[in-house]
Amino acid sequence: MAAERRTTSGSTGLCAARQIQPGTRHETHDLQGVLALVAAGVGPALVPATAARIAPPGITFTALHDPEATWDVGIAWHPVQHTALVANFVESVLTSGADDPI
């Protein structure tokens, strides 16, 4: 099972490090779709740990503490609501080690 590229990219390094080549039975464009497939018994999925907060009942999560289990993240904000708070947040994140401003 795989969610769109941004979700599967987080598991690519983990699978490569373990020489695992999982097959994709179903594709979805959102994390909730992946969780619904897991809840329906279709199969397991590698997901961000934060998925546990939005998962339907009955799904078991196991944390993976592995440097290869990473997800790329970015900053999102609405340009019309570009307040001082937003500007400070974006600046703080970008100056604390982010690679490329978006």
Protein backbone atom coordinates (compact mmCIF):
# COMPACT_ATOMS: atom_id res chain seq x y z
CA MET A 1 0.00 0.00 0.00
CA ALA A 2 1.32 3.45 -0.74
CA ALA A 3 0.18 7.01 -0.32
CA GLU A 4 1.29 9.63 -2.78
CA ARG A 5 4.97 10.31 -3.39
CA ARG A 6 5.48 12.58 -0.36
CA THR A 7 4.39 9.78 1.99
CA THR A 8 6.18 6.91 0.28
CA SER A 9 9.39 8.92 0.02
CA GLY A 10 9.69 8.74 3.80
CA SER A 11 9.84 4.96 3.71
CA THR A 12 12.11 4.60 0.67
CA GLY A 13 15.37 4.91 2.63
CA LEU A 14 14.16 2.52 5.31
CA CYS A 15 13.23 -0.15 2.77
CA ALA A 16 16.45 0.33 0.80
CA ALA A 17 18.59 0.02 3.94
CA ARG A 18 16.93 -3.32 4.68
CA GLN A 19 16.94 -4.47 1.06
CA ILE A 20 13.13 -4.68 1.10
CA GLN A 21 11.16 -4.13 -2.09
CA PRO A 22 7.53 -3.96 -0.98
CA GLY A 23 4.85 -4.33 -3.61
CA THR A 24 2.11 -1.75 -3.94
CA ARG A 25 -1.36 -3.28 -3.84
CA HIS A 26 -3.30 -0.03 -3.58
CA GLU A 27 -2.50 3.64 -3.96
CA THR A 28 -4.20 6.59 -2.34
CA HIS A 29 -3.51 10.29 -2.30
CA ASP A 30 -3.96 10.86 1.41
CA LEU A 31 -2.87 9.40 4.70
CA GLN A 32 -6.43 8.80 5.89
CA GLY A 33 -6.97 6.61 2.83
CA VAL A 34 -3.93 4.53 3.75
CA LEU A 35 -5.20 4.15 7.31
CA ALA A 36 -8.65 3.15 6.07
CA LEU A 37 -7.09 0.41 3.93
CA VAL A 38 -5.10 -0.83 6.93
CA ALA A 39 -8.25 -0.78 9.10
CA ALA A 40 -10.09 -2.75 6.41
CA GLY A 41 -7.45 -5.47 6.66
CA VAL A 42 -5.87 -4.90 3.25
CA GLY A 43 -2.36 -4.92 4.71
CA PRO A 44 0.20 -3.01 6.75
CA ALA A 45 1.73 0.33 5.74
CA LEU A 46 4.70 2.46 6.70
CA VAL A 47 3.28 5.80 7.81
CA PRO A 48 4.49 8.84 9.76
CA ALA A 49 4.22 8.26 13.51
CA THR A 50 1.81 11.18 13.75
CA ALA A 51 -0.72 9.06 11.83
CA ALA A 52 -1.61 7.45 15.16
CA ARG A 53 -3.47 10.66 16.07
CA ILE A 54 -5.94 10.34 13.18
CA ALA A 55 -6.18 6.58 12.84
CA PRO A 56 -9.50 4.75 13.05
CA PRO A 57 -9.97 2.40 16.02
CA GLY A 58 -8.40 -1.03 15.83
CA ILE A 59 -5.09 -0.13 14.19
CA THR A 60 -1.91 -1.01 16.06
CA PHE A 61 1.12 1.27 15.70
CA THR A 62 4.74 0.42 16.39
CA ALA A 63 7.29 3.23 16.50
CA LEU A 64 10.38 2.81 14.36
CA HIS A 65 13.50 4.41 15.77
CA ASP A 66 15.74 4.29 12.73
CA PRO A 67 17.69 7.08 11.02
CA GLU A 68 16.51 5.73 7.65
CA ALA A 69 12.86 6.22 8.62
CA THR A 70 12.52 9.89 7.72
CA TRP A 71 10.03 12.16 6.01
CA ASP A 72 10.80 15.44 4.29
CA VAL A 73 8.77 18.31 5.65
CA GLY A 74 8.10 21.86 4.61
CA ILE A 75 6.32 24.94 5.90
CA ALA A 76 2.86 25.88 4.69
CA TRP A 77 1.04 29.12 5.27
CA HIS A 78 -1.55 31.29 3.56
CA PRO A 79 0.07 34.39 2.02
CA VAL A 80 -2.96 36.56 2.82
CA GLN A 81 -2.51 35.75 6.51
CA HIS A 82 1.20 36.52 6.55
CA THR A 83 1.23 38.07 10.02
CA ALA A 84 4.22 38.88 12.21
CA LEU A 85 3.68 35.55 13.98
CA VAL A 86 3.86 33.66 10.68
CA ALA A 87 6.90 35.66 9.55
CA ASN A 88 8.72 34.95 12.83
CA PHE A 89 7.87 31.25 12.67
CA VAL A 90 9.05 30.89 9.05
CA GLU A 91 12.25 32.83 9.75
CA SER A 92 12.97 30.74 12.86
CA VAL A 93 12.54 27.47 11.00
CA LEU A 94 14.56 28.57 7.98
CA THR A 95 17.47 29.80 10.09
CA SER A 96 17.57 26.71 12.30
CA GLY A 97 18.87 24.27 9.72
CA ALA A 98 16.33 24.01 6.90
CA ASP A 99 17.93 23.35 3.53
CA ASP A 100 15.87 25.28 1.00
CA PRO A 101 13.25 27.95 1.50
CA ILE A 102 10.17 27.19 -0.52
